[in-house]
């Protein structure tokens, strides 16, 4: 599966608040708030239509050393890697204007739109979440993402 990166806006120096993310989630663009490359890995935090989403990309040549085919996100192969709500994506991204290396990685992603999480589209449609629903912000997702990155690094080493 390849996801097309259209209308991508890199907002790497901006940490939006919840209200700003609601507006951004409904303007038709894809926002990348965090983009980190570390050796054989790429870690991104993006804004999806409902919530923030995080992706860990593994260089394909490294993954090829361990796997005969790229594991599906809900396969037993990834049972030892934990992330918020479980993985909800695996696949590739197509190149965009700012990142011609994006195709060198195979990605696993997860979102922050589960039970107990405040969803961005509900706010914009006037439906408000339960008072205890968590409004995930970029710094929290980045922190959790680094924990997931460390798990991948222990599993797939050069």
Foldseek 3Di string as FASTA:
>chain_A
DEDEQPQEDEPQVDWDDLVVLLVVLPPPHKYWHDWDDDVQWIWTWIRHNWFIKIKIWGQPVLVVVPDVDDDDQPDPVCPQFDAVPGWDDWAFYDDDPPDNCRRRTIMIMDGQPDVLAWISPCVVVVHGDDPRRHDDTDVVRVVRRVVRVVSVCVVGDD
